[in-house]
Amino acid sequence: MILRKHFYRHLRPSHSKLPYIVSSPITSSSRTPRILPADVLVEEERIPGYRPEFYYPAKPGEVLNNRYKILTKVGWGTASTVWLAEDLEK
């Protein structure tokens, strides 16, 4: 369990009484991920106005800069996509 008290102290006014955030350890599932066909739209690709030319076409298994292996997409927002990568030099 991780307590994230100090990080949020900088984001909130001192008079605010936000609760502490407690998170559980991340566990991995034993299921093998399945690869979707390229013509199947997922998540942000379904949003009207999505423009794929504005984003790097990252693919799980791809190695960036001969060092970082892309593992999976963690999330996305209006201006970015977040990917989990493994540092192959550590």
N, C-alpha and C. Protein backbone atom coordinates (compact mmCIF):
# COMPACT_ATOMS: atom_id res chain seq x y z
N MET A 1 0.83 -1.16 0.00
CA MET A 1 0.00 0.00 0.00
C MET A 1 0.89 1.24 0.00
N ILE A 2 0.54 2.25 -0.78
CA ILE A 2 1.34 3.46 -0.90
C ILE A 2 0.50 4.65 -0.44
N LEU A 3 1.03 5.46 0.43
CA LEU A 3 0.35 6.66 0.90
C LEU A 3 0.90 7.85 0.12
N ARG A 4 0.04 8.62 -0.49
CA ARG A 4 0.48 9.73 -1.32
C ARG A 4 0.04 11.06 -0.71
N LYS A 5 0.41 11.28 0.50
CA LYS A 5 0.01 12.48 1.23
C LYS A 5 0.78 13.71 0.77
N HIS A 6 2.07 13.63 0.69
CA HIS A 6 2.91 14.79 0.45
C HIS A 6 2.75 15.37 -0.95
N PHE A 7 2.51 14.54 -1.94
CA PHE A 7 2.33 15.02 -3.31
C PHE A 7 1.12 15.96 -3.39
N TYR A 8 0.01 15.57 -2.79
CA TYR A 8 -1.21 16.35 -2.89
C TYR A 8 -1.17 17.60 -2.02
N ARG A 9 -0.29 17.67 -1.06
CA ARG A 9 -0.15 18.86 -0.24
C ARG A 9 0.20 20.05 -1.12
N HIS A 10 0.98 19.84 -2.18
CA HIS A 10 1.40 20.93 -3.07
C HIS A 10 0.31 21.35 -4.03
N LEU A 11 -0.69 20.51 -4.25
CA LEU A 11 -1.73 20.80 -5.22
C LEU A 11 -2.97 21.44 -4.63
N ARG A 12 -3.14 21.34 -3.33
CA ARG A 12 -4.36 21.85 -2.71
C ARG A 12 -4.05 23.00 -1.76
N PRO A 13 -5.00 23.89 -1.57
CA PRO A 13 -4.81 24.95 -0.58
C PRO A 13 -4.69 24.34 0.81
N SER A 14 -3.98 25.02 1.70
CA SER A 14 -3.74 24.47 3.03
C SER A 14 -5.02 24.30 3.84
N HIS A 15 -6.08 25.06 3.52
CA HIS A 15 -7.32 24.94 4.27
C HIS A 15 -8.19 23.77 3.80
N SER A 16 -7.83 23.16 2.67
CA SER A 16 -8.60 22.05 2.12
C SER A 16 -8.36 20.78 2.93
N LYS A 17 -9.38 19.98 3.06
CA LYS A 17 -9.28 18.73 3.83
C LYS A 17 -9.48 17.52 2.92
N LEU A 18 -8.71 17.42 1.85
CA LEU A 18 -8.82 16.27 0.96
C LEU A 18 -8.32 15.02 1.68
N PRO A 19 -8.95 13.88 1.44
CA PRO A 19 -8.49 12.65 2.09
C PRO A 19 -7.19 12.15 1.47
N TYR A 20 -6.48 11.35 2.23
CA TYR A 20 -5.28 10.71 1.69
C TYR A 20 -5.70 9.71 0.63
N ILE A 21 -4.84 9.50 -0.34
CA ILE A 21 -5.12 8.53 -1.39
C ILE A 21 -4.31 7.28 -1.10
N VAL A 22 -4.98 6.15 -1.03
CA VAL A 22 -4.32 4.88 -0.75
C VAL A 22 -4.48 4.01 -1.99
N SER A 23 -3.38 3.50 -2.50
CA SER A 23 -3.47 2.64 -3.67
C SER A 23 -2.95 1.25 -3.34
N SER A 24 -3.47 0.29 -4.04
CA SER A 24 -3.04 -1.10 -3.88
C SER A 24 -1.90 -1.40 -4.84
N PRO A 25 -1.11 -2.41 -4.55
CA PRO A 25 -0.05 -2.79 -5.48
C PRO A 25 -0.63 -3.20 -6.83
N ILE A 26 0.09 -2.93 -7.89
CA ILE A 26 -0.34 -3.31 -9.22
C ILE A 26 -0.06 -4.79 -9.41
N THR A 27 -1.06 -5.52 -9.87
CA THR A 27 -0.87 -6.94 -10.14
C THR A 27 -1.10 -7.17 -11.62
N SER A 28 -0.43 -8.14 -12.16
CA SER A 28 -0.62 -8.44 -13.57
C SER A 28 -1.54 -9.65 -13.71
N SER A 29 -2.32 -9.64 -14.75
CA SER A 29 -3.18 -10.80 -14.99
C SER A 29 -2.38 -11.85 -15.75
N SER A 30 -2.81 -13.06 -15.65
CA SER A 30 -2.08 -14.13 -16.33
C SER A 30 -2.58 -14.35 -17.74
N ARG A 31 -3.58 -13.56 -18.14
CA ARG A 31 -4.12 -13.70 -19.49
C ARG A 31 -3.12 -13.16 -20.52
N THR A 32 -3.04 -13.83 -21.63
CA THR A 32 -2.21 -13.36 -22.73
C THR A 32 -2.99 -12.29 -23.48
N PRO A 33 -2.39 -11.11 -23.71
CA PRO A 33 -3.12 -10.08 -24.45
C PRO A 33 -3.41 -10.54 -25.87
N ARG A 34 -4.56 -10.14 -26.37
CA ARG A 34 -4.85 -10.50 -27.76
C ARG A 34 -4.60 -9.30 -28.65
N ILE A 35 -4.16 -9.55 -29.83
CA ILE A 35 -3.86 -8.49 -30.78
C ILE A 35 -5.09 -8.27 -31.66
N LEU A 36 -5.54 -7.02 -31.68
CA LEU A 36 -6.70 -6.67 -32.48
C LEU A 36 -6.27 -6.39 -33.91
N PRO A 37 -7.14 -6.67 -34.87
CA PRO A 37 -6.83 -6.31 -36.26
C PRO A 37 -6.66 -4.80 -36.41
N ALA A 38 -5.85 -4.37 -37.34
CA ALA A 38 -5.54 -2.95 -37.53
C ALA A 38 -6.78 -2.12 -37.86
N ASP A 39 -7.82 -2.73 -38.41
CA ASP A 39 -9.01 -1.95 -38.79
C ASP A 39 -10.02 -1.80 -37.65
N VAL A 40 -9.73 -2.33 -36.47
CA VAL A 40 -10.61 -2.19 -35.31
C VAL A 40 -10.20 -0.94 -34.53
N LEU A 41 -11.13 0.01 -34.39
CA LEU A 41 -10.86 1.25 -33.66
C LEU A 41 -11.02 1.01 -32.16
N VAL A 42 -10.11 1.58 -31.37
CA VAL A 42 -10.18 1.44 -29.92
C VAL A 42 -10.06 2.80 -29.25
N GLU A 43 -10.62 2.90 -28.07
CA GLU A 43 -10.54 4.06 -27.18
C GLU A 43 -10.57 5.40 -27.90
N GLU A 44 -9.45 6.14 -27.87
CA GLU A 44 -9.44 7.50 -28.41
C GLU A 44 -9.72 7.54 -29.92
N GLU A 45 -9.49 6.45 -30.60
CA GLU A 45 -9.72 6.42 -32.05
C GLU A 45 -11.20 6.53 -32.39
N ARG A 46 -12.07 6.30 -31.42
CA ARG A 46 -13.51 6.38 -31.65
C ARG A 46 -14.06 7.79 -31.42
N ILE A 47 -13.25 8.68 -30.86
CA ILE A 47 -13.69 10.04 -30.55
C ILE A 47 -13.82 10.83 -31.86
N PRO A 48 -14.95 11.52 -32.06
CA PRO A 48 -15.07 12.36 -33.25
C PRO A 48 -13.94 13.40 -33.29
N GLY A 49 -13.33 13.57 -34.41
CA GLY A 49 -12.25 14.54 -34.54
C GLY A 49 -10.87 13.97 -34.25
N TYR A 50 -10.78 12.68 -33.91
CA TYR A 50 -9.48 12.06 -33.66
C TYR A 50 -8.66 12.12 -34.94
N ARG A 51 -7.41 12.59 -34.83
CA ARG A 51 -6.53 12.73 -35.99
C ARG A 51 -5.26 11.92 -35.76
N PRO A 52 -5.16 10.70 -36.26
CA PRO A 52 -4.02 9.82 -35.99
C PRO A 52 -2.69 10.41 -36.43
N GLU A 53 -2.69 11.30 -37.40
CA GLU A 53 -1.44 11.88 -37.87
C GLU A 53 -0.77 12.77 -36.83
N PHE A 54 -1.50 13.13 -35.77
CA PHE A 54 -0.93 13.96 -34.70
C PHE A 54 -0.25 13.14 -33.61
N TYR A 55 -0.31 11.81 -33.69
CA TYR A 55 0.23 10.93 -32.65
C TYR A 55 1.25 9.96 -33.24
N TYR A 56 2.22 9.60 -32.43
CA TYR A 56 3.20 8.59 -32.85
C TYR A 56 2.49 7.22 -32.85
N PRO A 57 2.63 6.45 -33.92
CA PRO A 57 1.94 5.15 -34.00
C PRO A 57 2.67 4.05 -33.21
N ALA A 58 2.69 4.15 -31.89
CA ALA A 58 3.40 3.20 -31.04
C ALA A 58 2.76 1.82 -31.13
N LYS A 59 3.61 0.79 -31.06
CA LYS A 59 3.13 -0.59 -31.11
C LYS A 59 3.81 -1.40 -30.02
N PRO A 60 3.05 -2.17 -29.22
CA PRO A 60 3.68 -3.02 -28.21
C PRO A 60 4.73 -3.93 -28.85
N GLY A 61 5.88 -4.04 -28.20
CA GLY A 61 6.99 -4.82 -28.74
C GLY A 61 8.02 -3.98 -29.46
N GLU A 62 7.63 -2.78 -29.87
CA GLU A 62 8.54 -1.87 -30.57
C GLU A 62 9.61 -1.36 -29.59
N VAL A 63 10.84 -1.22 -30.06
CA VAL A 63 11.93 -0.71 -29.23
C VAL A 63 12.29 0.69 -29.72
N LEU A 64 12.29 1.64 -28.80
CA LEU A 64 12.61 3.03 -29.12
C LEU A 64 14.02 3.35 -28.66
N ASN A 65 14.78 4.03 -29.52
CA ASN A 65 16.13 4.47 -29.19
C ASN A 65 17.03 3.31 -28.73
N ASN A 66 16.78 2.13 -29.28
CA ASN A 66 17.54 0.92 -28.92
C ASN A 66 17.59 0.67 -27.42
N ARG A 67 16.59 1.16 -26.70
CA ARG A 67 16.62 1.05 -25.25
C ARG A 67 15.27 0.76 -24.60
N TYR A 68 14.20 1.38 -25.05
CA TYR A 68 12.90 1.29 -24.39
C TYR A 68 11.94 0.43 -25.21
N LYS A 69 11.50 -0.68 -24.62
CA LYS A 69 10.57 -1.58 -25.30
C LYS A 69 9.15 -1.25 -24.84
N ILE A 70 8.29 -0.90 -25.78
CA ILE A 70 6.91 -0.56 -25.47
C ILE A 70 6.17 -1.84 -25.07
N LEU A 71 5.51 -1.78 -23.89
CA LEU A 71 4.80 -2.96 -23.39
C LEU A 71 3.29 -2.86 -23.60
N THR A 72 2.68 -1.77 -23.14
CA THR A 72 1.23 -1.63 -23.25
C THR A 72 0.81 -0.18 -23.07
N LYS A 73 -0.37 0.14 -23.55
CA LYS A 73 -0.91 1.49 -23.35
C LYS A 73 -1.49 1.57 -21.95
N VAL A 74 -1.13 2.64 -21.24
CA VAL A 74 -1.60 2.85 -19.88
C VAL A 74 -2.86 3.71 -19.89
N GLY A 75 -2.89 4.72 -20.75
CA GLY A 75 -4.05 5.61 -20.80
C GLY A 75 -3.91 6.63 -21.90
N TRP A 76 -4.89 7.48 -22.00
CA TRP A 76 -4.88 8.52 -23.03
C TRP A 76 -5.71 9.70 -22.56
N GLY A 77 -5.45 10.83 -23.20
CA GLY A 77 -6.18 12.06 -22.89
C GLY A 77 -6.38 12.86 -24.15
N THR A 78 -6.71 14.12 -24.01
CA THR A 78 -7.01 14.95 -25.18
C THR A 78 -5.76 15.29 -25.99
N ALA A 79 -4.59 15.26 -25.37
CA ALA A 79 -3.38 15.68 -26.10
C ALA A 79 -2.26 14.65 -26.07
N SER A 80 -2.49 13.47 -25.48
CA SER A 80 -1.40 12.51 -25.41
C SER A 80 -1.91 11.10 -25.14
N THR A 81 -1.02 10.15 -25.35
CA THR A 81 -1.26 8.76 -24.99
C THR A 81 -0.07 8.34 -24.13
N VAL A 82 -0.33 7.59 -23.07
CA VAL A 82 0.72 7.17 -22.15
C VAL A 82 0.97 5.67 -22.33
N TRP A 83 2.24 5.32 -22.55
CA TRP A 83 2.62 3.93 -22.76
C TRP A 83 3.59 3.49 -21.67
N LEU A 84 3.45 2.23 -21.23
CA LEU A 84 4.39 1.63 -20.30
C LEU A 84 5.50 1.00 -21.12
N ALA A 85 6.75 1.31 -20.76
CA ALA A 85 7.89 0.77 -21.49
C ALA A 85 8.91 0.18 -20.52
N GLU A 86 9.65 -0.79 -20.99
CA GLU A 86 10.70 -1.43 -20.21
C GLU A 86 12.04 -0.87 -20.64
N ASP A 87 12.87 -0.46 -19.68
CA ASP A 87 14.21 0.01 -19.97
C ASP A 87 15.11 -1.21 -20.15
N LEU A 88 15.56 -1.48 -21.34
CA LEU A 88 16.33 -2.68 -21.63
C LEU A 88 17.76 -2.63 -21.10
N GLU A 89 18.20 -1.47 -20.62
CA GLU A 89 19.55 -1.34 -20.09
C GLU A 89 19.58 -1.52 -18.57
N LYS A 90 18.47 -1.77 -17.94
CA LYS A 90 18.45 -1.95 -16.47
C LYS A 90 17.96 -3.31 -16.12
